[in-house]
């Protein structure tokens, strides 16, 4: 009986880590934040989460069938994309809009480029930005968490009936109450509008309105640290992302405290936490090398603050991540470490002339 010799490329020792394990680990690290969003907003949050995840899984299966590829649903990438996309959306978003976002994320941003590992841009962020541009009104209607009522900031509160019509908050026909997010108020009225906000209760406890993933900074940080401990991600991108945000926020606050909020406000508001730990760290759309990861994370943080402070949108995390995704190839090129034992061309010429 002859033996077959199998020759393959290195590495020959396998750690046991698979794509499926990585995807599902990240997925379950976000489940507590999703559960807390349901606790805060109830059925409107559950509907967005469930519908977006289901739509992403369905579109993944359909594209596998249409492109005659093996079914890839078990790897968890579609479910994770759906969960991250849902956490960037406001509670109460119509199901059909969630479906469009899932279609853009899975079909347009991922499958068209060849599927998992081939997409140049983060699928969830692509879906979110498309929805924000296509449906700005529904994407910027922020429900107030249960129990907050019309006392949030004492202003900028609107009440709607079941049909979505604006009604008197004192009437009995109120189905939902919305209010401007802290970032929205900051952009419209300056730092004084949010100066009375209790940071610990509003952001760490989550008693604030915004996207589903903007209401539980403490839980999201715990999930990110869990991924760091499990070595699913490295510290380079999230730390450099948050450091850039903190530095720019601190400097602008020192220059004009009446107009610009401080570093803590910007770190704990909006999507900085979920963006830094769960979106920018996507393996496919982030740099390969540690030096490049630091550049990438810093760029995300800088662009986020530029958009927040001086552009037309109050939040810039999604745009920043996508813009830096486009820079990944050139970042990889210029941060690639030298191979062991090789010299750069200039060094070789100097050695030859010596």
Protein backbone atom coordinates (compact mmCIF):
# COMPACT_ATOMS: atom_id res chain seq x y z
CA UNK A 1 0.00 0.00 0.00
CA UNK A 2 1.57 3.26 -1.12
CA UNK A 3 1.50 6.32 1.08
CA UNK A 4 0.44 9.69 -0.27
CA UNK A 5 2.65 12.62 0.55
CA UNK A 6 0.70 15.86 0.87
CA UNK A 7 2.77 19.00 0.35
CA UNK A 8 1.24 22.29 1.48
CA UNK A 9 2.39 25.80 2.26
CA UNK A 10 3.23 26.89 5.79
CA UNK A 11 2.13 27.18 8.51
CA UNK A 12 1.87 23.47 9.13
CA UNK A 13 0.77 23.77 12.77
CA UNK A 14 -2.88 24.80 13.14
CA UNK A 15 -4.06 26.75 16.17
CA UNK A 16 -7.62 25.48 15.89
CA UNK A 17 -8.97 28.97 15.24
CA UNK A 18 -11.39 29.07 12.34
CA UNK A 19 -13.37 31.78 10.58
CA UNK A 20 -16.54 30.37 12.07
CA UNK A 21 -15.18 30.49 15.62
CA UNK A 22 -14.02 34.08 15.18
CA UNK A 23 -17.31 35.28 13.71
CA UNK A 24 -19.49 33.62 16.32
CA UNK A 25 -17.23 34.82 19.16
CA UNK A 26 -17.63 38.42 17.98
CA UNK A 27 -21.36 37.84 17.50
CA UNK A 28 -21.91 36.61 21.05
CA UNK A 29 -19.71 39.39 22.47
CA UNK A 30 -22.31 41.81 21.06
CA UNK A 31 -25.37 39.91 22.29
CA UNK A 32 -25.36 41.59 25.76
CA UNK A 33 -25.43 45.04 24.11
CA UNK A 34 -28.27 43.91 21.85
CA UNK A 35 -30.19 42.52 24.81
CA UNK A 36 -29.72 45.77 26.71
CA UNK A 37 -31.03 47.73 23.73
CA UNK A 38 -34.17 45.56 23.80
CA UNK A 39 -34.49 46.26 27.52
CA UNK A 40 -34.30 50.01 26.90
CA UNK A 41 -36.49 50.29 23.80
CA UNK A 42 -38.61 47.13 23.87
CA UNK A 43 -40.29 45.76 20.75
CA UNK A 44 -39.01 48.49 18.35
CA UNK A 45 -35.43 47.41 19.11
CA UNK A 46 -36.19 43.68 18.93
CA UNK A 47 -37.89 44.13 15.55
CA UNK A 48 -34.89 45.91 14.04
CA UNK A 49 -32.41 43.39 15.42
CA UNK A 50 -34.34 40.30 14.36
CA UNK A 51 -35.37 41.54 10.92
CA UNK A 52 -31.90 42.80 9.96
CA UNK A 53 -30.16 39.58 11.03
CA UNK A 54 -32.74 37.41 9.24
CA UNK A 55 -32.56 39.49 6.07
CA UNK A 56 -28.75 39.25 6.01
CA UNK A 57 -28.85 35.47 6.42
CA UNK A 58 -31.49 35.12 3.68
CA UNK A 59 -29.56 37.31 1.23
CA UNK A 60 -26.37 35.40 1.99
CA UNK A 61 -28.09 32.11 1.17
CA UNK A 62 -29.65 33.49 -2.00
CA UNK A 63 -26.35 34.88 -3.28
CA UNK A 64 -24.62 31.56 -2.53
CA UNK A 65 -27.26 29.81 -4.62
CA UNK A 66 -27.19 32.37 -7.44
CA UNK A 67 -23.41 32.31 -7.69
CA UNK A 68 -23.29 28.50 -7.32
CA UNK A 69 -21.09 28.69 -4.24
CA UNK A 70 -21.13 26.43 -1.19
CA UNK A 71 -23.57 27.57 1.50
CA UNK A 72 -21.61 29.81 3.90
CA UNK A 73 -24.28 30.49 6.51
CA UNK A 74 -22.58 28.43 9.21
CA UNK A 75 -19.51 30.67 9.28
CA UNK A 76 -21.53 33.35 11.06
CA UNK A 77 -20.39 36.25 8.87
CA UNK A 78 -23.91 37.06 7.62
CA UNK A 79 -25.40 36.92 11.12
CA UNK A 80 -22.60 39.14 12.46
CA UNK A 81 -23.07 41.64 9.64
CA UNK A 82 -26.78 41.77 10.41
CA UNK A 83 -26.19 42.28 14.12
CA UNK A 84 -23.63 45.07 13.65
CA UNK A 85 -25.84 46.77 11.06
CA UNK A 86 -28.83 46.59 13.41
CA UNK A 87 -26.81 48.13 16.24
CA UNK A 88 -26.08 51.15 14.04
CA UNK A 89 -29.78 51.76 13.30
CA UNK A 90 -32.41 53.59 15.36
CA UNK A 91 -35.08 51.55 17.16
CA UNK A 92 -38.43 51.51 15.42
CA UNK A 93 -36.99 51.63 11.90
CA UNK A 94 -39.45 50.07 9.42
CA UNK A 95 -38.72 46.44 8.55
CA UNK A 96 -38.56 47.13 4.82
CA UNK A 97 -35.79 49.69 5.33
CA UNK A 98 -33.89 47.11 7.40
CA UNK A 99 -34.25 44.74 4.46
CA UNK A 100 -32.79 47.26 2.03
CA UNK A 101 -29.85 47.86 4.36
CA UNK A 102 -29.23 44.11 4.61
CA UNK A 103 -29.37 43.78 0.82
CA UNK A 104 -26.77 46.51 0.34
CA UNK A 105 -24.53 45.05 3.06
CA UNK A 106 -24.60 41.43 1.88
CA UNK A 107 -25.18 41.60 -1.87
CA UNK A 108 -23.66 44.93 -2.93
CA UNK A 109 -20.83 45.37 -0.43
CA UNK A 110 -19.83 41.72 0.01
CA UNK A 111 -21.06 39.15 -2.51
CA UNK A 112 -20.45 41.28 -5.61
CA UNK A 113 -16.74 41.37 -4.72
CA UNK A 114 -16.54 37.61 -4.29
CA UNK A 115 -17.82 37.01 -0.78
CA UNK A 116 -16.14 36.85 2.60
CA UNK A 117 -12.52 37.96 2.51
CA UNK A 118 -12.80 39.81 -0.80
CA UNK A 119 -14.83 42.89 0.12
CA UNK A 120 -12.83 46.15 0.31
CA UNK A 121 -15.37 47.96 2.49
CA UNK A 122 -17.04 46.98 5.75
CA UNK A 123 -20.44 45.54 4.69
CA UNK A 124 -22.40 46.70 7.74
CA UNK A 125 -21.04 50.24 7.46
CA UNK A 126 -21.79 50.32 3.74
CA UNK A 127 -25.39 49.33 4.42
CA UNK A 128 -25.72 51.90 7.19
CA UNK A 129 -24.32 54.79 5.16
CA UNK A 130 -26.52 53.91 2.19
CA UNK A 131 -29.62 53.99 4.40
CA UNK A 132 -28.57 57.30 5.97
CA UNK A 133 -28.22 58.90 2.54
CA UNK A 134 -31.33 57.28 1.03
CA UNK A 135 -33.67 57.61 4.03
CA UNK A 136 -32.39 60.51 6.17
CA UNK A 137 -35.68 61.14 8.01
CA UNK A 138 -36.28 57.60 9.39
CA UNK A 139 -32.56 57.16 10.08
CA UNK A 140 -32.50 60.27 12.28
CA UNK A 141 -35.70 59.70 14.28
CA UNK A 142 -34.43 58.65 17.71
CA UNK A 143 -36.81 57.00 20.17
CA UNK A 144 -36.46 57.91 23.83
CA UNK A 145 -35.65 54.96 26.14
CA UNK A 146 -38.46 53.62 28.31
CA UNK A 147 -38.95 55.64 31.46
CA UNK A 148 -37.21 58.77 30.16
CA UNK A 149 -40.39 60.25 28.74
CA UNK A 150 -40.42 63.89 27.74
CA UNK A 151 -37.90 64.92 30.39
CA UNK A 152 -34.86 64.17 28.24
CA UNK A 153 -32.88 67.43 28.18
CA UNK A 154 -36.22 69.16 28.80
CA UNK A 155 -36.54 70.05 25.10
CA UNK A 156 -36.32 68.87 21.53
CA UNK A 157 -38.95 66.20 22.18
CA UNK A 158 -41.55 65.10 19.62
CA UNK A 159 -44.46 62.68 19.98
CA UNK A 160 -45.90 60.47 17.24
CA UNK A 161 -48.95 58.24 16.90
CA UNK A 162 -48.91 54.69 15.55
CA UNK A 163 -49.12 55.97 11.97
CA UNK A 164 -46.06 58.16 12.44
CA UNK A 165 -47.96 61.44 12.56
CA UNK A 166 -46.76 64.20 14.86
CA UNK A 167 -49.22 64.67 17.77
CA UNK A 168 -49.47 66.57 21.03
CA UNK A 169 -47.32 64.89 23.68
CA UNK A 170 -50.10 65.40 26.20
CA UNK A 171 -52.73 63.56 24.15
CA UNK A 172 -53.63 59.94 24.60
CA UNK A 173 -52.63 59.04 21.04
CA UNK A 174 -48.88 58.97 21.67
CA UNK A 175 -47.23 55.83 20.36
CA UNK A 176 -43.60 56.97 20.45
CA UNK A 177 -41.55 59.86 21.81
CA UNK A 178 -38.41 61.00 20.02
CA UNK A 179 -35.70 63.51 20.87
CA UNK A 180 -32.44 64.79 19.47
CA UNK A 181 -29.35 62.78 20.36
CA UNK A 182 -26.60 64.39 22.47
CA UNK A 183 -24.42 64.73 19.36
CA UNK A 184 -27.31 66.34 17.50
CA UNK A 185 -27.80 68.88 20.29
CA UNK A 186 -24.07 69.54 20.43
CA UNK A 187 -23.95 70.28 16.72
CA UNK A 188 -27.00 72.54 16.81
CA UNK A 189 -26.53 74.47 20.06
CA UNK A 190 -22.96 73.94 21.24
CA UNK A 191 -21.50 72.44 24.40
CA UNK A 192 -23.89 74.34 26.71
CA UNK A 193 -26.80 72.22 25.45
CA UNK A 194 -25.25 69.04 26.86
CA UNK A 195 -23.34 70.49 29.80
CA UNK A 196 -25.96 69.34 32.29
CA UNK A 197 -25.97 65.76 31.08
CA UNK A 198 -24.93 63.17 33.66
CA UNK A 199 -22.30 61.25 31.71
CA UNK A 200 -22.24 58.21 33.98
CA UNK A 201 -25.99 57.56 33.93
CA UNK A 202 -26.59 58.65 30.34
CA UNK A 203 -23.84 56.65 28.67
CA UNK A 204 -22.53 53.98 31.02
CA UNK A 205 -26.01 53.01 32.22
CA UNK A 206 -27.56 53.73 28.85
CA UNK A 207 -30.39 56.09 29.72
CA UNK A 208 -30.00 57.99 26.46
CA UNK A 209 -31.42 57.89 22.96
CA UNK A 210 -29.55 57.00 19.80
CA UNK A 211 -28.78 53.95 17.70
CA UNK A 212 -29.19 50.56 19.35
CA UNK A 213 -25.42 50.26 19.78
CA UNK A 214 -24.95 53.76 21.21
CA UNK A 215 -26.77 53.18 24.48
CA UNK A 216 -24.50 50.79 26.38
CA UNK A 217 -20.90 52.01 26.37
CA UNK A 218 -19.96 49.93 29.42
CA UNK A 219 -21.35 46.71 27.94
CA UNK A 220 -19.69 47.36 24.58
CA UNK A 221 -16.36 48.04 26.27
CA UNK A 222 -16.68 44.78 28.19
CA UNK A 223 -17.34 42.93 24.93
CA UNK A 224 -14.36 44.57 23.25
CA UNK A 225 -12.03 43.72 26.14
CA UNK A 226 -13.33 40.14 26.00
CA UNK A 227 -12.27 39.95 22.34
CA UNK A 228 -8.90 41.44 23.27
CA UNK A 229 -8.36 38.82 25.97
CA UNK A 230 -9.36 36.04 23.58
CA UNK A 231 -6.88 37.50 21.06
CA UNK A 232 -9.58 37.88 18.44
CA UNK A 233 -8.48 41.50 18.01
CA UNK A 234 -5.39 43.47 18.97
CA UNK A 235 -5.27 46.74 20.90
CA UNK A 236 -3.76 48.82 18.11
CA UNK A 237 -6.89 49.95 16.24
CA UNK A 238 -9.31 50.59 19.14
CA UNK A 239 -6.72 52.37 21.28
CA UNK A 240 -5.41 54.58 18.47
CA UNK A 241 -8.99 55.30 17.31
CA UNK A 242 -10.11 56.42 20.79
CA UNK A 243 -6.83 58.27 21.45
CA UNK A 244 -7.26 60.36 18.30
CA UNK A 245 -10.83 61.20 19.27
CA UNK A 246 -9.76 62.15 22.80
CA UNK A 247 -6.85 64.34 21.67
CA UNK A 248 -8.86 66.33 19.12
CA UNK A 249 -11.82 66.68 21.47
CA UNK A 250 -9.58 67.80 24.31
CA UNK A 251 -7.76 70.39 22.21
CA UNK A 252 -10.93 71.88 20.72
CA UNK A 253 -12.56 71.97 24.14
CA UNK A 254 -9.59 73.86 25.55
CA UNK A 255 -9.72 76.31 22.65
CA UNK A 256 -13.48 76.98 22.91
CA UNK A 257 -15.29 75.20 25.77
CA UNK A 258 -18.59 76.92 24.97
CA UNK A 259 -18.74 75.43 21.48
CA UNK A 260 -16.89 72.10 21.79
CA UNK A 261 -17.53 69.33 24.30
CA UNK A 262 -14.75 67.52 26.13
CA UNK A 263 -13.01 64.23 25.40
CA UNK A 264 -15.18 62.09 27.70
CA UNK A 265 -18.36 63.25 26.02
CA UNK A 266 -17.08 62.38 22.55
CA UNK A 267 -15.65 59.02 23.62
CA UNK A 268 -18.86 57.83 25.27
CA UNK A 269 -21.38 59.34 22.87
CA UNK A 270 -22.42 58.12 19.46
CA UNK A 271 -20.69 55.16 17.87
CA UNK A 272 -17.06 55.60 18.93
CA UNK A 273 -17.01 52.55 21.22
CA UNK A 274 -18.72 50.13 18.86
CA UNK A 275 -16.87 51.61 15.91
CA UNK A 276 -13.42 51.33 17.48
CA UNK A 277 -13.82 47.83 18.93
CA UNK A 278 -16.16 46.03 16.54
CA UNK A 279 -16.22 47.81 13.15
CA UNK A 280 -12.76 49.18 12.49
CA UNK A 281 -11.19 45.89 13.68
CA UNK A 282 -12.79 43.85 10.89
CA UNK A 283 -10.06 41.53 9.60
CA UNK A 284 -10.85 41.90 5.90
CA UNK A 285 -11.08 45.69 5.74
CA UNK A 286 -8.32 46.70 8.17
CA UNK A 287 -4.51 46.66 7.76
CA UNK A 288 -2.46 43.51 8.28
CA UNK A 289 0.47 44.93 10.24
CA UNK A 290 0.59 46.60 13.64
CA UNK A 291 2.11 49.85 12.39
CA UNK A 292 -0.59 50.05 9.76
CA UNK A 293 -3.28 49.34 12.35
CA UNK A 294 -2.11 52.33 14.40
CA UNK A 295 -2.29 54.56 11.31
CA UNK A 296 -5.69 53.16 10.39
CA UNK A 297 -7.17 53.62 13.87
CA UNK A 298 -5.77 57.14 14.17
CA UNK A 299 -7.20 58.03 10.77
CA UNK A 300 -10.63 56.74 11.79
CA UNK A 301 -10.55 58.84 14.95
CA UNK A 302 -9.38 61.99 13.17
CA UNK A 303 -12.00 61.70 10.41
CA UNK A 304 -14.72 60.99 12.97
CA UNK A 305 -13.94 64.20 14.80
CA UNK A 306 -13.60 66.27 11.61
CA UNK A 307 -17.09 65.17 10.56
CA UNK A 308 -18.56 65.65 14.04
CA UNK A 309 -17.14 69.11 14.56
CA UNK A 310 -17.14 70.73 11.15
CA UNK A 311 -19.23 68.70 8.68
CA UNK A 312 -22.97 68.46 8.10
CA UNK A 313 -23.53 65.21 10.01
CA UNK A 314 -23.45 65.05 13.82
CA UNK A 315 -21.83 61.58 13.71
CA UNK A 316 -18.93 60.48 11.55
CA UNK A 317 -17.89 56.98 12.65
CA UNK A 318 -19.43 55.11 9.70
CA UNK A 319 -18.03 57.53 7.12
CA UNK A 320 -14.61 57.49 8.79
CA UNK A 321 -14.36 53.70 8.79
CA UNK A 322 -15.35 53.45 5.12
CA UNK A 323 -12.91 56.19 4.07
CA UNK A 324 -10.08 54.46 5.91
CA UNK A 325 -11.11 51.11 4.39
CA UNK A 326 -10.26 52.64 1.02
CA UNK A 327 -6.76 53.48 2.31
CA UNK A 328 -5.96 49.98 3.55
CA UNK A 329 -4.08 48.78 0.41
CA UNK A 330 -1.67 51.72 0.47
CA UNK A 331 -1.28 51.45 4.26
CA UNK A 332 -0.37 47.77 3.89
CA UNK A 333 2.13 48.62 1.15
CA UNK A 334 4.04 51.20 3.17
CA UNK A 335 3.91 49.45 6.56
CA UNK A 336 4.90 46.00 5.37
CA UNK A 337 7.92 44.89 7.43
CA UNK A 338 11.17 44.00 5.69
CA UNK A 339 11.81 40.33 5.14
CA UNK A 340 14.44 38.87 7.43
CA UNK A 341 17.92 39.15 5.93
CA UNK A 342 16.95 41.48 3.08
CA UNK A 343 18.01 45.08 2.61
CA UNK A 344 16.23 47.93 0.96
CA UNK A 345 17.50 48.89 -2.51
CA UNK A 346 19.10 52.09 -1.26
CA UNK A 347 20.92 50.27 1.53
CA UNK A 348 22.26 47.68 -0.94
CA UNK A 349 23.69 50.39 -3.22
CA UNK A 350 25.37 52.14 -0.30
CA UNK A 351 26.91 48.86 0.81
CA UNK A 352 28.18 48.15 -2.71
CA UNK A 353 29.78 51.60 -3.02
CA UNK A 354 31.47 51.42 0.38
